[in-house]
Amino acid sequence: MTETQPSATQPSPANEMDGPKLVYILYFISLVVGVTSIAGVIVAYLKRGEAGAAAASHYTYLRSAFSTP
């Protein structure tokens, strides 16, 4: 039998939300170490273009949350 492999360009639904979770964790850690919030906004900016609709909305929110005091 042939096995079908998922496309490399589309993340699986389970892994799609791993990027936003990473950014949320970096923002949380920034309460102690402020530099990690900058890393979080960079990740959110870079990953938004390749994300699905649900993850893209999280990235948009996370980018706007960074600029809000």
PDB file of N, CA and C in Angstrom:
ATOM      1  N   MET A   1       0.833  -1.184   0.000  1.00  0.00           N
ATOM      2  CA  MET A   1       0.000   0.000   0.000  1.00  0.00           C
ATOM      3  C   MET A   1       0.875   1.244   0.000  1.00  0.00           C
ATOM      4  N   THR A   2       0.327   2.261  -0.549  1.00  0.00           N
ATOM      5  CA  THR A   2       1.063   3.515  -0.562  1.00  0.00           C
ATOM      6  C   THR A   2       0.602   4.384   0.594  1.00  0.00           C
ATOM      7  N   GLU A   3       1.526   5.044   1.186  1.00  0.00           N
ATOM      8  CA  GLU A   3       1.217   5.954   2.285  1.00  0.00           C
ATOM      9  C   GLU A   3       1.249   7.377   1.752  1.00  0.00           C
ATOM     10  N   THR A   4       0.280   8.149   2.139  1.00  0.00           N
ATOM     11  CA  THR A   4       0.274   9.553   1.728  1.00  0.00           C
ATOM     12  C   THR A   4       0.925  10.386   2.815  1.00  0.00           C
ATOM     13  N   GLN A   5       1.829  11.199   2.397  1.00  0.00           N
ATOM     14  CA  GLN A   5       2.529  12.089   3.315  1.00  0.00           C
ATOM     15  C   GLN A   5       1.866  13.454   3.279  1.00  0.00           C
ATOM     16  N   PRO A   6       1.708  14.107   4.434  1.00  0.00           N
ATOM     17  CA  PRO A   6       1.150  15.460   4.419  1.00  0.00           C
ATOM     18  C   PRO A   6       2.094  16.412   3.698  1.00  0.00           C
ATOM     19  N   SER A   7       1.532  17.401   3.075  1.00  0.00           N
ATOM     20  CA  SER A   7       2.316  18.391   2.354  1.00  0.00           C
ATOM     21  C   SER A   7       3.234  19.137   3.320  1.00  0.00           C
ATOM     22  N   ALA A   8       4.437  19.411   2.868  1.00  0.00           N
ATOM     23  CA  ALA A   8       5.406  20.103   3.725  1.00  0.00           C
ATOM     24  C   ALA A   8       5.045  21.577   3.918  1.00  0.00           C
ATOM     25  N   THR A   9       4.265  22.134   3.007  1.00  0.00           N
ATOM     26  CA  THR A   9       3.939  23.553   3.119  1.00  0.00           C
ATOM     27  C   THR A   9       2.763  23.817   4.047  1.00  0.00           C
ATOM     28  N   GLN A  10       1.890  22.828   4.265  1.00  0.00           N
ATOM     29  CA  GLN A  10       0.747  23.023   5.136  1.00  0.00           C
ATOM     30  C   GLN A  10       0.971  22.291   6.456  1.00  0.00           C
ATOM     31  N   PRO A  11       0.955  23.016   7.575  1.00  0.00           N
ATOM     32  CA  PRO A  11       1.116  22.342   8.866  1.00  0.00           C
ATOM     33  C   PRO A  11      -0.135  21.545   9.207  1.00  0.00           C
ATOM     34  N   SER A  12       0.064  20.480   9.961  1.00  0.00           N
ATOM     35  CA  SER A  12      -1.094  19.708  10.391  1.00  0.00           C
ATOM     36  C   SER A  12      -1.886  20.527  11.405  1.00  0.00           C
ATOM     37  N   PRO A  13      -3.188  20.278  11.540  1.00  0.00           N
ATOM     38  CA  PRO A  13      -4.000  21.085  12.466  1.00  0.00           C
ATOM     39  C   PRO A  13      -3.490  21.047  13.901  1.00  0.00           C
ATOM     40  N   ALA A  14      -2.929  19.918  14.329  1.00  0.00           N
ATOM     41  CA  ALA A  14      -2.435  19.833  15.701  1.00  0.00           C
ATOM     42  C   ALA A  14      -1.211  20.719  15.912  1.00  0.00           C
ATOM     43  N   ASN A  15      -0.365  20.838  14.902  1.00  0.00           N
ATOM     44  CA  ASN A  15       0.867  21.617  15.033  1.00  0.00           C
ATOM     45  C   ASN A  15       0.688  23.080  14.655  1.00  0.00           C
ATOM     46  N   GLU A  16      -0.450  23.429  14.091  1.00  0.00           N
ATOM     47  CA  GLU A  16      -0.665  24.801  13.628  1.00  0.00           C
ATOM     48  C   GLU A  16      -0.604  25.798  14.776  1.00  0.00           C
ATOM     49  N   MET A  17      -1.048  25.415  15.947  1.00  0.00           N
ATOM     50  CA  MET A  17      -1.107  26.343  17.075  1.00  0.00           C
ATOM     51  C   MET A  17       0.149  26.320  17.943  1.00  0.00           C
ATOM     52  N   ASP A  18       1.167  25.553  17.550  1.00  0.00           N
ATOM     53  CA  ASP A  18       2.404  25.527  18.328  1.00  0.00           C
ATOM     54  C   ASP A  18       3.141  26.862  18.279  1.00  0.00           C
ATOM     55  N   GLY A  19       3.122  27.528  17.131  1.00  0.00           N
ATOM     56  CA  GLY A  19       3.792  28.829  17.013  1.00  0.00           C
ATOM     57  C   GLY A  19       3.186  29.884  17.910  1.00  0.00           C
ATOM     58  N   PRO A  20       1.846  30.064  17.871  1.00  0.00           N
ATOM     59  CA  PRO A  20       1.252  31.040  18.794  1.00  0.00           C
ATOM     60  C   PRO A  20       1.486  30.690  20.264  1.00  0.00           C
ATOM     61  N   LYS A  21       1.485  29.405  20.596  1.00  0.00           N
ATOM     62  CA  LYS A  21       1.769  29.006  21.986  1.00  0.00           C
ATOM     63  C   LYS A  21       3.169  29.440  22.387  1.00  0.00           C
ATOM     64  N   LEU A  22       4.124  29.279  21.470  1.00  0.00           N
ATOM     65  CA  LEU A  22       5.496  29.707  21.753  1.00  0.00           C
ATOM     66  C   LEU A  22       5.547  31.202  22.020  1.00  0.00           C
ATOM     67  N   VAL A  23       4.831  31.982  21.221  1.00  0.00           N
ATOM     68  CA  VAL A  23       4.837  33.434  21.410  1.00  0.00           C
ATOM     69  C   VAL A  23       4.171  33.803  22.729  1.00  0.00           C
ATOM     70  N   TYR A  24       3.059  33.140  23.068  1.00  0.00           N
ATOM     71  CA  TYR A  24       2.419  33.391  24.370  1.00  0.00           C
ATOM     72  C   TYR A  24       3.390  33.090  25.512  1.00  0.00           C
ATOM     73  N   ILE A  25       4.137  31.994  25.408  1.00  0.00           N
ATOM     74  CA  ILE A  25       5.108  31.637  26.453  1.00  0.00           C
ATOM     75  C   ILE A  25       6.209  32.682  26.540  1.00  0.00           C
ATOM     76  N   LEU A  26       6.703  33.136  25.393  1.00  0.00           N
ATOM     77  CA  LEU A  26       7.744  34.178  25.407  1.00  0.00           C
ATOM     78  C   LEU A  26       7.233  35.465  26.031  1.00  0.00           C
ATOM     79  N   TYR A  27       5.979  35.833  25.740  1.00  0.00           N
ATOM     80  CA  TYR A  27       5.399  37.027  26.361  1.00  0.00           C
ATOM     81  C   TYR A  27       5.271  36.842  27.869  1.00  0.00           C
ATOM     82  N   PHE A  28       4.885  35.650  28.310  1.00  0.00           N
ATOM     83  CA  PHE A  28       4.750  35.389  29.742  1.00  0.00           C
ATOM     84  C   PHE A  28       6.105  35.478  30.443  1.00  0.00           C
ATOM     85  N   ILE A  29       7.126  34.898  29.821  1.00  0.00           N
ATOM     86  CA  ILE A  29       8.467  34.954  30.402  1.00  0.00           C
ATOM     87  C   ILE A  29       8.977  36.393  30.444  1.00  0.00           C
ATOM     88  N   SER A  30       8.487  37.228  29.545  1.00  0.00           N
ATOM     89  CA  SER A  30       8.951  38.622  29.514  1.00  0.00           C
ATOM     90  C   SER A  30       8.550  39.399  30.761  1.00  0.00           C
ATOM     91  N   LEU A  31       7.655  38.858  31.573  1.00  0.00           N
ATOM     92  CA  LEU A  31       7.341  39.503  32.849  1.00  0.00           C
ATOM     93  C   LEU A  31       8.554  39.512  33.764  1.00  0.00           C
ATOM     94  N   VAL A  32       9.447  38.527  33.577  1.00  0.00           N
ATOM     95  CA  VAL A  32      10.671  38.439  34.375  1.00  0.00           C
ATOM     96  C   VAL A  32      11.863  38.952  33.566  1.00  0.00           C
ATOM     97  N   VAL A  33      11.957  38.498  32.313  1.00  0.00           N
ATOM     98  CA  VAL A  33      13.067  38.866  31.440  1.00  0.00           C
ATOM     99  C   VAL A  33      12.465  39.578  30.232  1.00  0.00           C
ATOM    100  N   GLY A  34      12.519  40.882  30.200  1.00  0.00           N
ATOM    101  CA  GLY A  34      11.815  41.669  29.202  1.00  0.00           C
ATOM    102  C   GLY A  34      12.217  41.459  27.760  1.00  0.00           C
ATOM    103  N   VAL A  35      13.426  40.975  27.526  1.00  0.00           N
ATOM    104  CA  VAL A  35      13.928  40.820  26.165  1.00  0.00           C
ATOM    105  C   VAL A  35      13.147  39.753  25.387  1.00  0.00           C
ATOM    106  N   THR A  36      12.558  38.796  26.073  1.00  0.00           N
ATOM    107  CA  THR A  36      11.867  37.716  25.367  1.00  0.00           C
ATOM    108  C   THR A  36      10.620  38.198  24.642  1.00  0.00           C
ATOM    109  N   SER A  37      10.059  39.322  25.046  1.00  0.00           N
ATOM    110  CA  SER A  37       8.903  39.854  24.319  1.00  0.00           C
ATOM    111  C   SER A  37       9.302  40.310  22.922  1.00  0.00           C
ATOM    112  N   ILE A  38      10.515  40.807  22.767  1.00  0.00           N
ATOM    113  CA  ILE A  38      10.996  41.205  21.445  1.00  0.00           C
ATOM    114  C   ILE A  38      11.162  39.971  20.568  1.00  0.00           C
ATOM    115  N   ALA A  39      11.688  38.894  21.135  1.00  0.00           N
ATOM    116  CA  ALA A  39      11.796  37.636  20.388  1.00  0.00           C
ATOM    117  C   ALA A  39      10.412  37.131  20.002  1.00  0.00           C
ATOM    118  N   GLY A  40       9.440  37.281  20.884  1.00  0.00           N
ATOM    119  CA  GLY A  40       8.078  36.847  20.612  1.00  0.00           C
ATOM    120  C   GLY A  40       7.442  37.601  19.456  1.00  0.00           C
ATOM    121  N   VAL A  41       7.618  38.901  19.407  1.00  0.00           N
ATOM    122  CA  VAL A  41       7.024  39.682  18.320  1.00  0.00           C
ATOM    123  C   VAL A  41       7.717  39.383  16.992  1.00  0.00           C
ATOM    124  N   ILE A  42       8.999  39.079  17.031  1.00  0.00           N
ATOM    125  CA  ILE A  42       9.707  38.705  15.805  1.00  0.00           C
ATOM    126  C   ILE A  42       9.182  37.373  15.283  1.00  0.00           C
ATOM    127  N   VAL A  43       8.995  36.402  16.174  1.00  0.00           N
ATOM    128  CA  VAL A  43       8.443  35.104  15.764  1.00  0.00           C
ATOM    129  C   VAL A  43       7.037  35.291  15.200  1.00  0.00           C
ATOM    130  N   ALA A  44       6.217  36.088  15.856  1.00  0.00           N
ATOM    131  CA  ALA A  44       4.853  36.331  15.380  1.00  0.00           C
ATOM    132  C   ALA A  44       4.863  36.988  14.003  1.00  0.00           C
ATOM    133  N   TYR A  45       5.768  37.902  13.782  1.00  0.00           N
ATOM    134  CA  TYR A  45       5.853  38.576  12.495  1.00  0.00           C
ATOM    135  C   TYR A  45       6.293  37.622  11.389  1.00  0.00           C
ATOM    136  N   LEU A  46       7.279  36.779  11.674  1.00  0.00           N
ATOM    137  CA  LEU A  46       7.816  35.878  10.659  1.00  0.00           C
ATOM    138  C   LEU A  46       6.881  34.712  10.344  1.00  0.00           C
ATOM    139  N   LYS A  47       6.181  34.207  11.342  1.00  0.00           N
ATOM    140  CA  LYS A  47       5.349  33.018  11.146  1.00  0.00           C
ATOM    141  C   LYS A  47       3.959  33.327  10.603  1.00  0.00           C
ATOM    142  N   ARG A  48       3.506  34.563  10.661  1.00  0.00           N
ATOM    143  CA  ARG A  48       2.131  34.868  10.267  1.00  0.00           C
ATOM    144  C   ARG A  48       1.854  34.546   8.800  1.00  0.00           C
ATOM    145  N   GLY A  49       2.802  34.777   7.924  1.00  0.00           N
ATOM    146  CA  GLY A  49       2.600  34.555   6.502  1.00  0.00           C
ATOM    147  C   GLY A  49       2.373  33.107   6.129  1.00  0.00           C
ATOM    148  N   GLU A  50       2.933  32.185   6.875  1.00  0.00           N
ATOM    149  CA  GLU A  50       2.800  30.763   6.544  1.00  0.00           C
ATOM    150  C   GLU A  50       1.767  30.046   7.408  1.00  0.00           C
ATOM    151  N   ALA A  51       1.043  30.771   8.224  1.00  0.00           N
ATOM    152  CA  ALA A  51       0.085  30.162   9.149  1.00  0.00           C
ATOM    153  C   ALA A  51      -1.295  30.022   8.515  1.00  0.00           C
ATOM    154  N   GLY A  52      -2.079  29.113   9.081  1.00  0.00           N
ATOM    155  CA  GLY A  52      -3.469  28.973   8.672  1.00  0.00           C
ATOM    156  C   GLY A  52      -4.293  30.121   9.229  1.00  0.00           C
ATOM    157  N   ALA A  53      -5.589  30.098   8.960  1.00  0.00           N
ATOM    158  CA  ALA A  53      -6.454  31.216   9.347  1.00  0.00           C
ATOM    159  C   ALA A  53      -6.517  31.406  10.862  1.00  0.00           C
ATOM    160  N   ALA A  54      -6.660  30.322  11.605  1.00  0.00           N
ATOM    161  CA  ALA A  54      -6.772  30.443  13.064  1.00  0.00           C
ATOM    162  C   ALA A  54      -5.470  30.955  13.677  1.00  0.00           C
ATOM    163  N   ALA A  55      -4.359  30.379  13.263  1.00  0.00           N
ATOM    164  CA  ALA A  55      -3.068  30.805  13.806  1.00  0.00           C
ATOM    165  C   ALA A  55      -2.734  32.230  13.372  1.00  0.00           C
ATOM    166  N   ALA A  56      -3.106  32.592  12.151  1.00  0.00           N
ATOM    167  CA  ALA A  56      -2.823  33.950  11.670  1.00  0.00           C
ATOM    168  C   ALA A  56      -3.546  34.992  12.509  1.00  0.00           C
ATOM    169  N   SER A  57      -4.772  34.690  12.943  1.00  0.00           N
ATOM    170  CA  SER A  57      -5.483  35.655  13.786  1.00  0.00           C
ATOM    171  C   SER A  57      -4.805  35.789  15.146  1.00  0.00           C
ATOM    172  N   HIS A  58      -4.248  34.692  15.667  1.00  0.00           N
ATOM    173  CA  HIS A  58      -3.497  34.765  16.925  1.00  0.00           C
ATOM    174  C   HIS A  58      -2.242  35.607  16.749  1.00  0.00           C
ATOM    175  N   TYR A  59      -1.520  35.389  15.651  1.00  0.00           N
ATOM    176  CA  TYR A  59      -0.314  36.179  15.399  1.00  0.00           C
ATOM    177  C   TYR A  59      -0.637  37.667  15.281  1.00  0.00           C
ATOM    178  N   THR A  60      -1.734  37.990  14.609  1.00  0.00           N
ATOM    179  CA  THR A  60      -2.145  39.391  14.489  1.00  0.00           C
ATOM    180  C   THR A  60      -2.421  39.985  15.863  1.00  0.00           C
ATOM    181  N   TYR A  61      -3.142  39.246  16.691  1.00  0.00           N
ATOM    182  CA  TYR A  61      -3.422  39.718  18.049  1.00  0.00           C
ATOM    183  C   TYR A  61      -2.133  39.887  18.845  1.00  0.00           C
ATOM    184  N   LEU A  62      -1.242  38.911  18.746  1.00  0.00           N
ATOM    185  CA  LEU A  62       0.000  38.976  19.507  1.00  0.00           C
ATOM    186  C   LEU A  62       0.872  40.139  19.078  1.00  0.00           C
ATOM    187  N   ARG A  63       0.879  40.439  17.793  1.00  0.00           N
ATOM    188  CA  ARG A  63       1.659  41.591  17.319  1.00  0.00           C
ATOM    189  C   ARG A  63       1.064  42.887  17.832  1.00  0.00           C
ATOM    190  N   SER A  64      -0.270  42.982  17.870  1.00  0.00           N
ATOM    191  CA  SER A  64      -0.883  44.218  18.366  1.00  0.00           C
ATOM    192  C   SER A  64      -0.762  44.318  19.896  1.00  0.00           C
ATOM    193  N   ALA A  65      -0.752  43.169  20.575  1.00  0.00           N
ATOM    194  CA  ALA A  65      -0.598  43.185  22.037  1.00  0.00           C
ATOM    195  C   ALA A  65       0.790  43.664  22.436  1.00  0.00           C
ATOM    196  N   PHE A  66       1.783  43.420  21.600  1.00  0.00           N
ATOM    197  CA  PHE A  66       3.132  43.876  21.890  1.00  0.00           C
ATOM    198  C   PHE A  66       3.220  45.392  21.890  1.00  0.00           C
ATOM    199  N   SER A  67       2.513  46.025  20.975  1.00  0.00           N
ATOM    200  CA  SER A  67       2.607  47.484  20.857  1.00  0.00           C
ATOM    201  C   SER A  67       1.702  48.216  21.840  1.00  0.00           C
ATOM    202  N   THR A  68       0.813  47.493  22.522  1.00  0.00           N
ATOM    203  CA  THR A  68      -0.079  48.099  23.507  1.00  0.00           C
ATOM    204  C   THR A  68       0.573  48.023  24.881  1.00  0.00           C
ATOM    205  N   PRO A  69       0.697  49.149  25.569  1.00  0.00           N
ATOM    206  CA  PRO A  69       1.382  49.114  26.885  1.00  0.00           C
ATOM    207  C   PRO A  69       0.606  48.395  27.926  1.00  0.00           C
TER     208      PRO A  69
END
